[in-house]
């Protein structure tokens, strides 16, 4: 998929007379659009299979919308990113459903406060986190991304409070709020050096498994 998109980006860049740097930006944007569409579709389908499509989409969207402004560490290739995203969103959707079934209001409130306090602190420290394919060079863009990140986090916080209050009347909102916490927690983790190390280790996991199979 990534190779096909890059070929298309090369054709577009050639027709527009772009240099290599602009071509890389075009390729990055096209890959991101295609990846988001494929990921959302797969997340919804797998969410249906496990009986938690709304929770899966909440996790996925809460990550991707915040990531647009905050940035974050990237996987080595789009295919791994898509597979990991689908697995993470599906698993955490199931966990959200399960945790909603053993729900206690006070621990949930504490968890929400801790996660959002950490999210705002990490965002203040690291946002924006750029990538080699899409470097952030201007002070204006840095300020715009930081402002956007804090606005989105504030909206997420307000939605989480709303889900928490509604959960006393309609238990279905419990899993929605938990799903959003899973999304926020993962995205802010990818802003940190620890998150970068973790994602790269996960990215290399298939290589390690392949080596072990060959040795056996």
C-alpha atoms as a PDB file:
ATOM      1  CA  UNK A   1       0.000   0.000   0.000  1.00  0.00           C
ATOM      2  CA  UNK A   2       2.721   2.477   1.001  1.00  0.00           C
ATOM      3  CA  UNK A   3       4.684   1.881  -2.212  1.00  0.00           C
ATOM      4  CA  UNK A   4       1.606   2.499  -4.367  1.00  0.00           C
ATOM      5  CA  UNK A   5       0.803   5.719  -2.522  1.00  0.00           C
ATOM      6  CA  UNK A   6       4.394   6.942  -2.847  1.00  0.00           C
ATOM      7  CA  UNK A   7       4.303   6.274  -6.591  1.00  0.00           C
ATOM      8  CA  UNK A   8       1.122   8.338  -6.846  1.00  0.00           C
ATOM      9  CA  UNK A   9       2.731  11.105  -4.781  1.00  0.00           C
ATOM     10  CA  UNK A  10       5.718  11.061  -7.139  1.00  0.00           C
ATOM     11  CA  UNK A  11       3.430  11.486 -10.162  1.00  0.00           C
ATOM     12  CA  UNK A  12       1.566  14.367  -8.504  1.00  0.00           C
ATOM     13  CA  UNK A  13       4.805  16.072  -7.460  1.00  0.00           C
ATOM     14  CA  UNK A  14       6.326  15.705 -10.941  1.00  0.00           C
ATOM     15  CA  UNK A  15       3.262  17.235 -12.587  1.00  0.00           C
ATOM     16  CA  UNK A  16       3.362  20.165 -10.147  1.00  0.00           C
ATOM     17  CA  UNK A  17       7.128  20.611 -10.374  1.00  0.00           C
ATOM     18  CA  UNK A  18       7.783  19.896  -6.698  1.00  0.00           C
ATOM     19  CA  UNK A  19      11.243  19.144  -5.336  1.00  0.00           C
ATOM     20  CA  UNK A  20      12.114  16.074  -3.239  1.00  0.00           C
ATOM     21  CA  UNK A  21      11.225  17.768   0.063  1.00  0.00           C
ATOM     22  CA  UNK A  22       7.755  18.790  -1.102  1.00  0.00           C
ATOM     23  CA  UNK A  23       7.240  15.347  -2.636  1.00  0.00           C
ATOM     24  CA  UNK A  24       7.944  13.773   0.763  1.00  0.00           C
ATOM     25  CA  UNK A  25       5.281  16.016   2.320  1.00  0.00           C
ATOM     26  CA  UNK A  26       2.757  15.058  -0.380  1.00  0.00           C
ATOM     27  CA  UNK A  27       3.532  11.364   0.119  1.00  0.00           C
ATOM     28  CA  UNK A  28       3.163  11.738   3.890  1.00  0.00           C
ATOM     29  CA  UNK A  29      -0.247  13.387   3.485  1.00  0.00           C
ATOM     30  CA  UNK A  30      -1.548  10.792   1.031  1.00  0.00           C
ATOM     31  CA  UNK A  31      -0.324   7.904   3.177  1.00  0.00           C
ATOM     32  CA  UNK A  32      -2.004   9.461   6.213  1.00  0.00           C
ATOM     33  CA  UNK A  33      -5.362   9.856   4.401  1.00  0.00           C
ATOM     34  CA  UNK A  34      -5.362   6.324   2.996  1.00  0.00           C
ATOM     35  CA  UNK A  35      -4.209   4.877   6.300  1.00  0.00           C
ATOM     36  CA  UNK A  36      -6.919   6.673   8.280  1.00  0.00           C
ATOM     37  CA  UNK A  37      -9.666   5.459   5.923  1.00  0.00           C
ATOM     38  CA  UNK A  38      -8.441   1.855   6.013  1.00  0.00           C
ATOM     39  CA  UNK A  39      -7.879   1.928   9.768  1.00  0.00           C
ATOM     40  CA  UNK A  40     -11.322   3.349  10.568  1.00  0.00           C
ATOM     41  CA  UNK A  41     -12.994   0.762   8.347  1.00  0.00           C
ATOM     42  CA  UNK A  42     -11.086  -2.136   9.902  1.00  0.00           C
ATOM     43  CA  UNK A  43     -11.556  -0.830  13.438  1.00  0.00           C
ATOM     44  CA  UNK A  44     -15.308  -0.609  12.904  1.00  0.00           C
ATOM     45  CA  UNK A  45     -15.502  -4.112  11.368  1.00  0.00           C
ATOM     46  CA  UNK A  46     -13.450  -5.724  14.132  1.00  0.00           C
ATOM     47  CA  UNK A  47     -15.415  -3.702  16.672  1.00  0.00           C
ATOM     48  CA  UNK A  48     -18.584  -5.253  15.285  1.00  0.00           C
ATOM     49  CA  UNK A  49     -17.048  -8.718  15.591  1.00  0.00           C
ATOM     50  CA  UNK A  50     -16.213  -8.235  19.286  1.00  0.00           C
ATOM     51  CA  UNK A  51     -19.489  -6.444  20.000  1.00  0.00           C
ATOM     52  CA  UNK A  52     -18.000  -3.018  20.729  1.00  0.00           C
ATOM     53  CA  UNK A  53     -17.982  -0.973  17.496  1.00  0.00           C
ATOM     54  CA  UNK A  54     -18.715   2.398  19.135  1.00  0.00           C
ATOM     55  CA  UNK A  55     -16.031   1.918  21.780  1.00  0.00           C
ATOM     56  CA  UNK A  56     -13.498   0.891  19.117  1.00  0.00           C
ATOM     57  CA  UNK A  57     -14.247   3.985  17.037  1.00  0.00           C
ATOM     58  CA  UNK A  58     -14.048   6.240  20.109  1.00  0.00           C
ATOM     59  CA  UNK A  59     -10.566   4.916  20.897  1.00  0.00           C
ATOM     60  CA  UNK A  60      -9.463   5.282  17.277  1.00  0.00           C
ATOM     61  CA  UNK A  61     -10.856   8.788  16.748  1.00  0.00           C
ATOM     62  CA  UNK A  62      -9.616  10.105  20.095  1.00  0.00           C
ATOM     63  CA  UNK A  63      -6.087   9.053  19.085  1.00  0.00           C
ATOM     64  CA  UNK A  64      -6.162  10.247  15.477  1.00  0.00           C
ATOM     65  CA  UNK A  65      -7.812  13.644  16.041  1.00  0.00           C
ATOM     66  CA  UNK A  66      -5.407  14.594  18.838  1.00  0.00           C
ATOM     67  CA  UNK A  67      -2.450  13.238  16.852  1.00  0.00           C
ATOM     68  CA  UNK A  68      -3.180  15.658  13.998  1.00  0.00           C
ATOM     69  CA  UNK A  69      -2.066  18.547  16.220  1.00  0.00           C
ATOM     70  CA  UNK A  70       0.192  16.954  18.813  1.00  0.00           C
ATOM     71  CA  UNK A  71       2.229  14.776  16.463  1.00  0.00           C
ATOM     72  CA  UNK A  72       3.845  11.701  17.950  1.00  0.00           C
ATOM     73  CA  UNK A  73       6.274   8.900  17.245  1.00  0.00           C
ATOM     74  CA  UNK A  74       5.583   6.945  14.058  1.00  0.00           C
ATOM     75  CA  UNK A  75       5.960   3.282  13.246  1.00  0.00           C
ATOM     76  CA  UNK A  76       8.552   2.285  10.650  1.00  0.00           C
ATOM     77  CA  UNK A  77       5.899   1.509   8.027  1.00  0.00           C
ATOM     78  CA  UNK A  78       2.216   2.191   7.384  1.00  0.00           C
ATOM     79  CA  UNK A  79       1.231  -1.488   7.365  1.00  0.00           C
ATOM     80  CA  UNK A  80       2.486  -2.083  10.912  1.00  0.00           C
ATOM     81  CA  UNK A  81       0.842   1.138  12.075  1.00  0.00           C
ATOM     82  CA  UNK A  82      -2.510   0.031  10.664  1.00  0.00           C
ATOM     83  CA  UNK A  83      -2.279  -3.483  12.137  1.00  0.00           C
ATOM     84  CA  UNK A  84      -1.227  -2.189  15.550  1.00  0.00           C
ATOM     85  CA  UNK A  85      -3.953   0.485  15.554  1.00  0.00           C
ATOM     86  CA  UNK A  86      -6.653  -2.073  14.744  1.00  0.00           C
ATOM     87  CA  UNK A  87      -5.394  -4.451  17.441  1.00  0.00           C
ATOM     88  CA  UNK A  88      -5.091  -1.710  20.070  1.00  0.00           C
ATOM     89  CA  UNK A  89      -8.515  -0.212  19.349  1.00  0.00           C
ATOM     90  CA  UNK A  90     -10.217  -3.624  19.283  1.00  0.00           C
ATOM     91  CA  UNK A  91      -8.574  -4.893  22.473  1.00  0.00           C
ATOM     92  CA  UNK A  92      -9.185  -1.673  24.410  1.00  0.00           C
ATOM     93  CA  UNK A  93     -12.799  -1.607  23.172  1.00  0.00           C
ATOM     94  CA  UNK A  94     -13.297  -5.058  24.694  1.00  0.00           C
ATOM     95  CA  UNK A  95     -11.558  -3.910  27.890  1.00  0.00           C
ATOM     96  CA  UNK A  96     -13.794  -0.838  28.005  1.00  0.00           C
ATOM     97  CA  UNK A  97     -16.875  -3.058  27.859  1.00  0.00           C
ATOM     98  CA  UNK A  98     -15.503  -5.344  30.552  1.00  0.00           C
ATOM     99  CA  UNK A  99     -14.457  -2.502  32.860  1.00  0.00           C
ATOM    100  CA  UNK A 100     -17.885  -0.920  32.414  1.00  0.00           C
ATOM    101  CA  UNK A 101     -19.336  -4.126  33.824  1.00  0.00           C
ATOM    102  CA  UNK A 102     -17.254  -3.881  37.016  1.00  0.00           C
ATOM    103  CA  UNK A 103     -17.565  -0.100  37.175  1.00  0.00           C
ATOM    104  CA  UNK A 104     -16.984   1.869  40.371  1.00  0.00           C
ATOM    105  CA  UNK A 105     -17.573   5.623  40.204  1.00  0.00           C
ATOM    106  CA  UNK A 106     -14.791   6.809  42.539  1.00  0.00           C
ATOM    107  CA  UNK A 107     -11.899   4.789  41.001  1.00  0.00           C
ATOM    108  CA  UNK A 108     -13.124   5.857  37.558  1.00  0.00           C
ATOM    109  CA  UNK A 109     -13.077   9.497  38.604  1.00  0.00           C
ATOM    110  CA  UNK A 110      -9.555   9.143  39.988  1.00  0.00           C
ATOM    111  CA  UNK A 111      -8.349   7.408  36.819  1.00  0.00           C
ATOM    112  CA  UNK A 112      -9.809  10.181  34.669  1.00  0.00           C
ATOM    113  CA  UNK A 113      -8.217  12.948  36.732  1.00  0.00           C
ATOM    114  CA  UNK A 114      -4.807  11.229  36.688  1.00  0.00           C
ATOM    115  CA  UNK A 115      -4.866  10.552  32.945  1.00  0.00           C
ATOM    116  CA  UNK A 116      -5.922  14.065  31.982  1.00  0.00           C
ATOM    117  CA  UNK A 117      -3.497  15.695  34.422  1.00  0.00           C
ATOM    118  CA  UNK A 118      -0.695  13.623  32.874  1.00  0.00           C
ATOM    119  CA  UNK A 119      -1.979  14.368  29.346  1.00  0.00           C
ATOM    120  CA  UNK A 120      -1.898  18.145  29.829  1.00  0.00           C
ATOM    121  CA  UNK A 121       1.519  17.980  31.506  1.00  0.00           C
ATOM    122  CA  UNK A 122       3.010  15.807  28.749  1.00  0.00           C
ATOM    123  CA  UNK A 123       1.455  17.972  26.038  1.00  0.00           C
ATOM    124  CA  UNK A 124       2.940  21.077  27.646  1.00  0.00           C
ATOM    125  CA  UNK A 125       6.360  19.409  27.761  1.00  0.00           C
ATOM    126  CA  UNK A 126       6.544  17.734  24.334  1.00  0.00           C
ATOM    127  CA  UNK A 127       3.950  19.058  21.850  1.00  0.00           C
ATOM    128  CA  UNK A 128       4.442  19.218  18.940  1.00  0.00           C
ATOM    129  CA  UNK A 129       6.407  16.057  18.122  1.00  0.00           C
ATOM    130  CA  UNK A 130       7.396  16.045  14.450  1.00  0.00           C
ATOM    131  CA  UNK A 131       8.663  13.309  12.158  1.00  0.00           C
ATOM    132  CA  UNK A 132      11.477  13.092   9.571  1.00  0.00           C
ATOM    133  CA  UNK A 133       8.892  13.109   6.754  1.00  0.00           C
ATOM    134  CA  UNK A 134       7.025  16.100   8.128  1.00  0.00           C
ATOM    135  CA  UNK A 135       9.372  18.363  10.106  1.00  0.00           C
ATOM    136  CA  UNK A 136       7.945  21.355  11.952  1.00  0.00           C
ATOM    137  CA  UNK A 137      10.143  24.339  11.137  1.00  0.00           C
ATOM    138  CA  UNK A 138       8.197  27.531  11.768  1.00  0.00           C
ATOM    139  CA  UNK A 139       7.367  29.068  15.123  1.00  0.00           C
ATOM    140  CA  UNK A 140       3.890  29.925  13.822  1.00  0.00           C
ATOM    141  CA  UNK A 141       3.109  26.259  13.112  1.00  0.00           C
ATOM    142  CA  UNK A 142       4.477  25.175  16.482  1.00  0.00           C
ATOM    143  CA  UNK A 143       2.187  27.627  18.267  1.00  0.00           C
ATOM    144  CA  UNK A 144      -0.792  26.578  16.138  1.00  0.00           C
ATOM    145  CA  UNK A 145      -0.237  22.874  16.882  1.00  0.00           C
ATOM    146  CA  UNK A 146       0.238  23.496  20.597  1.00  0.00           C
ATOM    147  CA  UNK A 147      -2.936  25.568  20.759  1.00  0.00           C
ATOM    148  CA  UNK A 148      -4.866  22.935  18.780  1.00  0.00           C
ATOM    149  CA  UNK A 149      -3.620  20.151  21.050  1.00  0.00           C
ATOM    150  CA  UNK A 150      -4.770  21.918  24.212  1.00  0.00           C
ATOM    151  CA  UNK A 151      -8.148  22.774  22.686  1.00  0.00           C
ATOM    152  CA  UNK A 152      -8.718  19.139  21.705  1.00  0.00           C
ATOM    153  CA  UNK A 153      -7.605  17.865  25.115  1.00  0.00           C
ATOM    154  CA  UNK A 154     -10.006  20.320  26.749  1.00  0.00           C
ATOM    155  CA  UNK A 155     -12.857  19.085  24.538  1.00  0.00           C
ATOM    156  CA  UNK A 156     -11.942  15.482  25.380  1.00  0.00           C
ATOM    157  CA  UNK A 157     -11.934  16.332  29.075  1.00  0.00           C
ATOM    158  CA  UNK A 158     -15.384  17.931  28.786  1.00  0.00           C
ATOM    159  CA  UNK A 159     -16.710  14.877  26.920  1.00  0.00           C
ATOM    160  CA  UNK A 160     -15.245  12.551  29.550  1.00  0.00           C
ATOM    161  CA  UNK A 161     -16.949  14.542  32.300  1.00  0.00           C
ATOM    162  CA  UNK A 162     -20.206  14.359  30.348  1.00  0.00           C
ATOM    163  CA  UNK A 163     -19.861  10.580  29.860  1.00  0.00           C
ATOM    164  CA  UNK A 164     -19.101  10.217  33.573  1.00  0.00           C
ATOM    165  CA  UNK A 165     -22.216  12.153  34.609  1.00  0.00           C
ATOM    166  CA  UNK A 166     -24.440  10.395  32.068  1.00  0.00           C
ATOM    167  CA  UNK A 167     -23.174   6.995  33.211  1.00  0.00           C
ATOM    168  CA  UNK A 168     -25.206   7.329  36.418  1.00  0.00           C
ATOM    169  CA  UNK A 169     -28.377   7.345  34.313  1.00  0.00           C
ATOM    170  CA  UNK A 170     -27.321   5.220  31.321  1.00  0.00           C
ATOM    171  CA  UNK A 171     -24.597   2.594  31.977  1.00  0.00           C
ATOM    172  CA  UNK A 172     -23.695   2.462  28.245  1.00  0.00           C
ATOM    173  CA  UNK A 173     -21.818   5.742  28.661  1.00  0.00           C
ATOM    174  CA  UNK A 174     -19.387   4.062  31.045  1.00  0.00           C
ATOM    175  CA  UNK A 175     -17.629   2.176  28.269  1.00  0.00           C
ATOM    176  CA  UNK A 176     -17.624   5.279  26.042  1.00  0.00           C
ATOM    177  CA  UNK A 177     -15.768   7.266  28.677  1.00  0.00           C
ATOM    178  CA  UNK A 178     -13.321   4.448  29.363  1.00  0.00           C
ATOM    179  CA  UNK A 179     -12.629   4.092  25.646  1.00  0.00           C
ATOM    180  CA  UNK A 180     -11.775   7.780  25.402  1.00  0.00           C
ATOM    181  CA  UNK A 181      -9.338   7.428  28.303  1.00  0.00           C
ATOM    182  CA  UNK A 182      -7.606   4.557  26.506  1.00  0.00           C
ATOM    183  CA  UNK A 183      -7.282   6.729  23.406  1.00  0.00           C
ATOM    184  CA  UNK A 184      -5.904   9.761  25.252  1.00  0.00           C
ATOM    185  CA  UNK A 185      -3.503   7.638  27.297  1.00  0.00           C
ATOM    186  CA  UNK A 186      -1.967   5.971  24.232  1.00  0.00           C
ATOM    187  CA  UNK A 187      -1.632   9.158  22.192  1.00  0.00           C
ATOM    188  CA  UNK A 188       0.105  11.147  24.931  1.00  0.00           C
ATOM    189  CA  UNK A 189       2.384   8.166  25.584  1.00  0.00           C
ATOM    190  CA  UNK A 190       3.585   8.364  21.950  1.00  0.00           C
ATOM    191  CA  UNK A 191       4.724  11.932  22.647  1.00  0.00           C
ATOM    192  CA  UNK A 192       7.291  10.765  25.195  1.00  0.00           C
ATOM    193  CA  UNK A 193      10.714   9.093  24.791  1.00  0.00           C
ATOM    194  CA  UNK A 194       9.328   6.037  26.637  1.00  0.00           C
ATOM    195  CA  UNK A 195       6.506   5.771  24.107  1.00  0.00           C
ATOM    196  CA  UNK A 196       8.988   6.028  21.227  1.00  0.00           C
ATOM    197  CA  UNK A 197      11.088   3.188  22.639  1.00  0.00           C
ATOM    198  CA  UNK A 198       7.999   1.043  23.264  1.00  0.00           C
ATOM    199  CA  UNK A 199       6.618   1.532  19.755  1.00  0.00           C
ATOM    200  CA  UNK A 200       9.962   0.770  18.103  1.00  0.00           C
ATOM    201  CA  UNK A 201      10.285  -2.389  20.201  1.00  0.00           C
ATOM    202  CA  UNK A 202       6.809  -3.467  19.103  1.00  0.00           C
ATOM    203  CA  UNK A 203       7.710  -2.597  15.517  1.00  0.00           C
ATOM    204  CA  UNK A 204      10.740  -4.905  15.705  1.00  0.00           C
ATOM    205  CA  UNK A 205       8.773  -7.755  17.289  1.00  0.00           C
ATOM    206  CA  UNK A 206       7.984  -9.525  13.967  1.00  0.00           C
ATOM    207  CA  UNK A 207      11.713  -9.472  13.133  1.00  0.00           C
ATOM    208  CA  UNK A 208      12.599 -11.072  16.465  1.00  0.00           C
ATOM    209  CA  UNK A 209       9.901 -13.700  16.053  1.00  0.00           C
ATOM    210  CA  UNK A 210      11.128 -14.438  12.544  1.00  0.00           C
ATOM    211  CA  UNK A 211      14.692 -14.930  13.774  1.00  0.00           C
ATOM    212  CA  UNK A 212      13.537 -17.293  16.517  1.00  0.00           C
ATOM    213  CA  UNK A 213      11.549 -19.383  14.029  1.00  0.00           C
ATOM    214  CA  UNK A 214      14.587 -19.675  11.753  1.00  0.00           C
ATOM    215  CA  UNK A 215      16.801 -20.725  14.678  1.00  0.00           C
ATOM    216  CA  UNK A 216      14.312 -23.434  15.625  1.00  0.00           C
END
